[in-house]
Amino acid sequence: MMNKNEKFVITINRELGSGGRTVGQKLAEKLGVSYYDKAVIKALQEKYHLTVEEIEKRKGESDNWWAEAKRMLSISTGVAGNVGYYQAAMSDTAAMLTTDEMFRSETEILKGIADAESCVIAGRSGFYVLRDHPNRLSILIQASMPFRVERVSRKQHVTPEQARHIIDKVDEMRENYVKKYTKTSRYDTRNYDMMISADGKTEDEIVDLILKYIG
């Protein structure tokens, strides 16, 4: 069981349209820790060229290289515990290609974050990359297709048919990504400590479920 009184990491894998991203942000806020997702990681890679070589250099200069990087890059966590100002510019459904080099740098960034601070990490195969973290909770948030279609249609202002097309495309993209880089499936329940269906629940109710589970 994860101990929230010690340095921890919560990884959230979620289906598009399940509300998992909002849950992650709200959970981070409740716990008073930082929230990271694909948008933040990719923005860091692209804006600051955090290649594996650059990360190795930073690690060689400091044991706590991520904390140093945050200060150097002026990344701040607000009251809500989110590293949020990169997110709006990046689409959650953008089919951005991930190279082997990018995955390696993502892995090093995620490990650096988890070593330096308590946090909530959504996506990016966090459940796999951080599987050996000594104080980790791994969560999968899913929902029925009607629930997902309605939510995506409402959030992205598209027709239900367009929403279903987006969902199918993103599901395939994410599953291919996970299989390629982790040799497992994002739907394999053995990868998670807790699985939640979003159907019939608000994001706040899901957050409360997680907090009760943590204790």
Protein backbone atom coordinates (compact mmCIF):
# COMPACT_ATOMS: atom_id res chain seq x y z
CA MET A 1 0.00 0.00 0.00
CA MET A 2 1.30 3.45 -0.90
CA ASN A 3 2.24 5.68 2.03
CA LYS A 4 1.23 9.29 1.33
CA ASN A 5 3.38 10.48 4.24
CA GLU A 6 6.53 9.53 2.37
CA LYS A 7 7.71 10.52 -1.12
CA PHE A 8 5.32 8.82 -3.54
CA VAL A 9 4.26 8.61 -7.16
CA ILE A 10 0.78 7.89 -8.47
CA THR A 11 0.56 6.82 -12.11
CA ILE A 12 -2.75 7.09 -13.93
CA ASN A 13 -3.44 5.32 -17.18
CA ARG A 14 -6.79 6.31 -18.66
CA GLU A 15 -9.01 5.86 -21.66
CA LEU A 16 -9.81 8.93 -23.68
CA GLY A 17 -13.21 10.22 -22.55
CA SER A 18 -13.02 8.65 -19.10
CA GLY A 19 -12.12 11.92 -17.38
CA GLY A 20 -8.84 10.46 -16.16
CA ARG A 21 -6.79 13.54 -16.96
CA THR A 22 -9.09 15.76 -14.90
CA VAL A 23 -9.04 13.18 -12.12
CA GLY A 24 -5.25 13.26 -12.12
CA GLN A 25 -5.18 17.05 -11.89
CA LYS A 26 -7.78 17.13 -9.10
CA LEU A 27 -6.02 14.33 -7.22
CA ALA A 28 -2.70 16.17 -7.40
CA GLU A 29 -4.41 19.29 -6.09
CA LYS A 30 -5.96 17.40 -3.17
CA LEU A 31 -2.61 15.87 -2.27
CA GLY A 32 -0.71 19.12 -2.78
CA VAL A 33 1.73 17.66 -5.29
CA SER A 34 2.69 18.26 -8.93
CA TYR A 35 0.81 16.83 -11.90
CA TYR A 36 2.62 15.79 -15.09
CA ASP A 37 1.33 14.43 -18.38
CA LYS A 38 2.31 13.99 -22.03
CA ALA A 39 1.98 17.70 -22.75
CA VAL A 40 4.50 18.66 -20.09
CA ILE A 41 6.99 15.92 -20.93
CA LYS A 42 6.94 16.60 -24.67
CA ALA A 43 7.12 20.36 -24.16
CA LEU A 44 10.20 19.88 -22.01
CA GLN A 45 11.81 17.65 -24.61
CA GLU A 46 11.11 20.01 -27.47
CA LYS A 47 11.61 23.38 -25.77
CA TYR A 48 14.70 22.49 -23.73
CA HIS A 49 16.14 19.63 -25.80
CA LEU A 50 16.19 17.20 -22.89
CA THR A 51 17.79 14.34 -24.76
CA VAL A 52 19.20 11.32 -22.94
CA GLU A 53 22.67 12.81 -23.35
CA GLU A 54 21.60 16.15 -21.84
CA ILE A 55 19.90 14.37 -18.95
CA GLU A 56 22.96 12.23 -18.30
CA LYS A 57 25.03 15.41 -18.21
CA ARG A 58 22.65 16.99 -15.70
CA LYS A 59 22.64 13.82 -13.58
CA GLY A 60 26.42 13.86 -13.54
CA GLU A 61 26.38 17.43 -12.28
CA SER A 62 23.84 16.86 -9.52
CA ASP A 63 22.33 13.91 -7.66
CA ASN A 64 18.98 15.68 -7.65
CA TRP A 65 19.12 16.72 -11.29
CA TRP A 66 15.36 17.12 -11.75
CA ALA A 67 15.03 19.65 -8.93
CA GLU A 68 17.94 21.54 -10.46
CA ALA A 69 16.34 21.32 -13.91
CA LYS A 70 13.04 22.68 -12.58
CA ARG A 71 14.82 25.68 -11.11
CA MET A 72 16.88 26.29 -14.25
CA LEU A 73 13.86 25.95 -16.53
CA SER A 74 11.68 28.09 -14.26
CA ILE A 75 9.03 25.39 -13.94
CA SER A 76 6.84 26.22 -10.99
CA THR A 77 4.05 24.30 -9.32
CA GLY A 78 1.07 26.41 -8.46
CA VAL A 79 -1.31 26.17 -5.53
CA ALA A 80 -3.17 23.45 -7.37
CA GLY A 81 0.01 21.38 -7.62
CA ASN A 82 -0.04 21.42 -11.41
CA VAL A 83 2.71 22.11 -13.88
CA GLY A 84 0.09 23.48 -16.15
CA TYR A 85 1.12 26.26 -18.44
CA TYR A 86 2.47 23.94 -21.14
CA GLN A 87 -0.67 21.82 -21.38
CA ALA A 88 -3.07 24.06 -23.27
CA ALA A 89 -0.83 24.29 -26.31
CA MET A 90 -0.66 20.54 -26.79
CA SER A 91 -3.55 18.41 -28.06
CA ASP A 92 -4.27 15.22 -26.13
CA THR A 93 -5.34 13.59 -29.38
CA ALA A 94 -2.39 14.70 -31.48
CA ALA A 95 -0.78 11.69 -33.11
CA MET A 96 2.76 12.78 -32.38
CA LEU A 97 5.33 10.16 -33.30
CA THR A 98 7.56 8.87 -30.55
CA THR A 99 11.03 7.71 -31.51
CA ASP A 100 13.14 5.31 -29.48
CA GLU A 101 15.32 8.25 -28.42
CA MET A 102 12.27 10.21 -27.26
CA PHE A 103 11.02 7.24 -25.23
CA ARG A 104 14.41 6.89 -23.58
CA SER A 105 14.45 10.57 -22.65
CA GLU A 106 10.83 10.37 -21.43
CA THR A 107 11.84 7.45 -19.23
CA GLU A 108 14.73 9.38 -17.72
CA ILE A 109 12.52 12.45 -17.17
CA LEU A 110 9.83 10.40 -15.44
CA LYS A 111 12.36 8.65 -13.22
CA GLY A 112 13.95 11.99 -12.38
CA ILE A 113 10.60 13.48 -11.44
CA ALA A 114 9.65 10.50 -9.26
CA ASP A 115 13.05 10.47 -7.54
CA ALA A 116 12.84 14.18 -6.74
CA GLU A 117 9.28 14.70 -5.54
CA SER A 118 5.87 13.26 -4.81
CA CYS A 119 3.68 13.59 -7.89
CA VAL A 120 0.84 12.35 -10.05
CA ILE A 121 1.81 11.24 -13.56
CA ALA A 122 -0.79 10.58 -16.26
CA GLY A 123 0.02 8.38 -19.23
CA ARG A 124 3.44 8.00 -20.85
CA SER A 125 3.59 4.35 -19.67
CA GLY A 126 4.26 5.58 -16.14
CA PHE A 127 2.84 2.32 -14.78
CA TYR A 128 5.72 0.49 -16.50
CA VAL A 129 8.56 3.01 -16.30
CA LEU A 130 8.03 3.50 -12.55
CA ARG A 131 7.03 -0.07 -11.70
CA ASP A 132 10.02 -0.46 -9.36
CA HIS A 133 9.42 2.77 -7.43
CA PRO A 134 9.30 1.81 -3.72
CA ASN A 135 6.18 3.89 -2.95
CA ARG A 136 3.93 3.79 -6.00
CA LEU A 137 0.24 3.45 -6.74
CA SER A 138 -0.80 2.55 -10.29
CA ILE A 139 -4.37 3.29 -11.43
CA LEU A 140 -6.38 2.52 -14.56
CA ILE A 141 -9.48 4.62 -15.27
CA GLN A 142 -11.88 3.27 -17.88
CA ALA A 143 -15.44 3.94 -19.03
CA SER A 144 -18.07 2.45 -21.33
CA MET A 145 -18.06 3.55 -24.95
CA PRO A 146 -21.34 5.52 -24.66
CA PHE A 147 -19.90 7.43 -21.69
CA ARG A 148 -16.69 8.16 -23.58
CA VAL A 149 -18.44 9.20 -26.78
CA GLU A 150 -20.74 11.59 -24.93
CA ARG A 151 -17.87 13.18 -23.03
CA VAL A 152 -15.55 13.57 -26.04
CA SER A 153 -18.40 14.90 -28.15
CA ARG A 154 -19.24 17.49 -25.50
CA LYS A 155 -15.67 18.45 -24.65
CA GLN A 156 -14.38 18.69 -28.22
CA HIS A 157 -17.60 20.01 -29.79
CA VAL A 158 -17.85 17.23 -32.35
CA THR A 159 -20.62 14.85 -33.42
CA PRO A 160 -20.93 11.45 -31.71
CA GLU A 161 -19.68 9.83 -34.92
CA GLN A 162 -16.61 12.07 -34.95
CA ALA A 163 -16.07 11.40 -31.26
CA ARG A 164 -16.11 7.65 -31.82
CA HIS A 165 -13.58 8.03 -34.64
CA ILE A 166 -11.28 10.07 -32.37
CA ILE A 167 -11.60 7.52 -29.57
CA ASP A 168 -10.82 4.58 -31.84
CA LYS A 169 -7.79 6.37 -33.27
CA VAL A 170 -6.41 7.35 -29.86
CA ASP A 171 -7.07 3.89 -28.38
CA GLU A 172 -5.10 2.30 -31.21
CA MET A 173 -2.29 4.85 -30.96
CA ARG A 174 -1.91 4.45 -27.19
CA GLU A 175 -2.07 0.67 -27.27
CA ASN A 176 0.53 0.50 -30.04
CA TYR A 177 2.77 2.86 -28.06
CA VAL A 178 2.51 0.77 -24.89
CA LYS A 179 3.03 -2.53 -26.70
CA LYS A 180 6.04 -1.22 -28.60
CA TYR A 181 7.88 0.17 -25.60
CA THR A 182 6.75 -2.03 -22.70
CA LYS A 183 5.91 -5.35 -24.39
CA THR A 184 2.64 -5.44 -22.45
CA SER A 185 -0.90 -4.13 -22.95
CA ARG A 186 -2.33 -1.04 -21.30
CA TYR A 187 -5.45 -3.15 -20.66
CA ASP A 188 -3.57 -5.86 -18.74
CA THR A 189 -5.01 -5.51 -15.23
CA ARG A 190 -1.85 -7.00 -13.71
CA ASN A 191 -0.17 -3.65 -14.38
CA TYR A 192 -2.38 -1.81 -11.88
CA ASP A 193 -3.15 -1.67 -8.18
CA MET A 194 -6.55 -0.06 -8.69
CA MET A 195 -9.02 -0.05 -11.58
CA ILE A 196 -11.96 2.35 -11.72
CA SER A 197 -14.96 2.63 -14.03
CA ALA A 198 -15.95 6.26 -14.54
CA ASP A 199 -19.53 5.39 -15.43
CA GLY A 200 -22.00 7.00 -13.04
CA LYS A 201 -19.28 8.90 -11.21
CA THR A 202 -18.06 12.49 -11.27
CA GLU A 203 -14.35 13.27 -11.34
CA ASP A 204 -14.56 14.41 -7.72
CA GLU A 205 -16.17 11.12 -6.69
CA ILE A 206 -13.37 9.19 -8.38
CA VAL A 207 -10.79 11.33 -6.60
CA ASP A 208 -12.53 10.57 -3.30
CA LEU A 209 -12.43 6.83 -4.09
CA ILE A 210 -8.68 7.03 -4.66
CA LEU A 211 -8.09 9.04 -1.51
CA LYS A 212 -10.11 6.51 0.54
CA TYR A 213 -8.09 3.69 -0.99
CA ILE A 214 -4.84 5.42 -0.03
CA GLY A 215 -6.18 6.05 3.46
